[in-house]
């Protein structure tokens, strides 16, 4: 399977912050305070946001 055929299903914190139009530090702060309304997953020391969850958030 070629890499071009694989669709992204998650964004990291930097990509999510860009999509939301906020800074990475604000996003990290919201995660730490538990005030972020978008579900995320921790994989090791990485924080990942589902593209589907972001789409749902934007459509609410």
Protein backbone atom coordinates (compact mmCIF):
# COMPACT_ATOMS: atom_id res chain seq x y z
CA UNK A 1 0.00 0.00 0.00
CA UNK A 2 1.36 3.39 -0.95
CA UNK A 3 1.55 6.16 1.61
CA UNK A 4 -0.56 8.42 -0.63
CA UNK A 5 -3.50 6.00 -0.27
CA UNK A 6 -3.64 6.28 3.52
CA UNK A 7 -6.06 8.87 4.93
CA UNK A 8 -5.22 10.64 8.17
CA UNK A 9 -7.55 9.79 11.03
CA UNK A 10 -5.78 11.78 13.76
CA UNK A 11 -4.11 15.15 14.26
CA UNK A 12 -1.44 15.95 16.80
CA UNK A 13 -1.67 18.95 19.14
CA UNK A 14 -0.01 21.36 16.72
CA UNK A 15 -2.29 20.39 13.83
CA UNK A 16 -5.37 20.53 16.06
CA UNK A 17 -4.44 23.97 17.38
CA UNK A 18 -4.08 25.24 13.80
CA UNK A 19 -7.46 23.76 12.86
CA UNK A 20 -9.06 25.43 15.90
CA UNK A 21 -7.30 28.74 15.30
CA UNK A 22 -5.66 28.77 18.75
CA UNK A 23 -2.10 28.45 20.04
CA UNK A 24 -0.56 25.15 21.05
CA UNK A 25 -0.02 26.47 24.56
CA UNK A 26 -3.71 27.31 24.94
CA UNK A 27 -4.67 23.83 23.72
CA UNK A 28 -2.20 22.20 26.14
CA UNK A 29 -3.61 24.36 28.96
CA UNK A 30 -7.18 23.30 28.17
CA UNK A 31 -6.11 19.65 28.11
CA UNK A 32 -4.32 20.02 31.46
CA UNK A 33 -7.28 21.83 33.06
CA UNK A 34 -9.78 19.36 31.63
CA UNK A 35 -11.75 22.10 29.87
CA UNK A 36 -11.28 20.88 26.28
CA UNK A 37 -14.61 19.80 24.78
CA UNK A 38 -13.05 17.60 22.09
CA UNK A 39 -12.11 14.04 23.08
CA UNK A 40 -8.49 13.04 22.64
CA UNK A 41 -6.32 9.97 23.07
CA UNK A 42 -2.95 9.65 24.74
CA UNK A 43 -0.60 7.29 22.96
CA UNK A 44 2.59 7.11 24.97
CA UNK A 45 3.50 10.75 25.50
CA UNK A 46 1.60 11.90 22.39
CA UNK A 47 -1.84 13.49 22.42
CA UNK A 48 -3.95 12.76 19.35
CA UNK A 49 -7.30 14.14 18.26
CA UNK A 50 -9.60 12.20 15.96
CA UNK A 51 -10.37 13.96 12.69
CA UNK A 52 -13.96 12.70 13.07
CA UNK A 53 -14.21 14.27 16.56
CA UNK A 54 -12.96 17.59 15.22
CA UNK A 55 -15.46 17.49 12.35
CA UNK A 56 -18.25 16.74 14.85
CA UNK A 57 -17.12 19.64 17.06
CA UNK A 58 -17.13 22.05 14.10
CA UNK A 59 -20.59 20.90 13.01
CA UNK A 60 -22.23 21.45 16.42
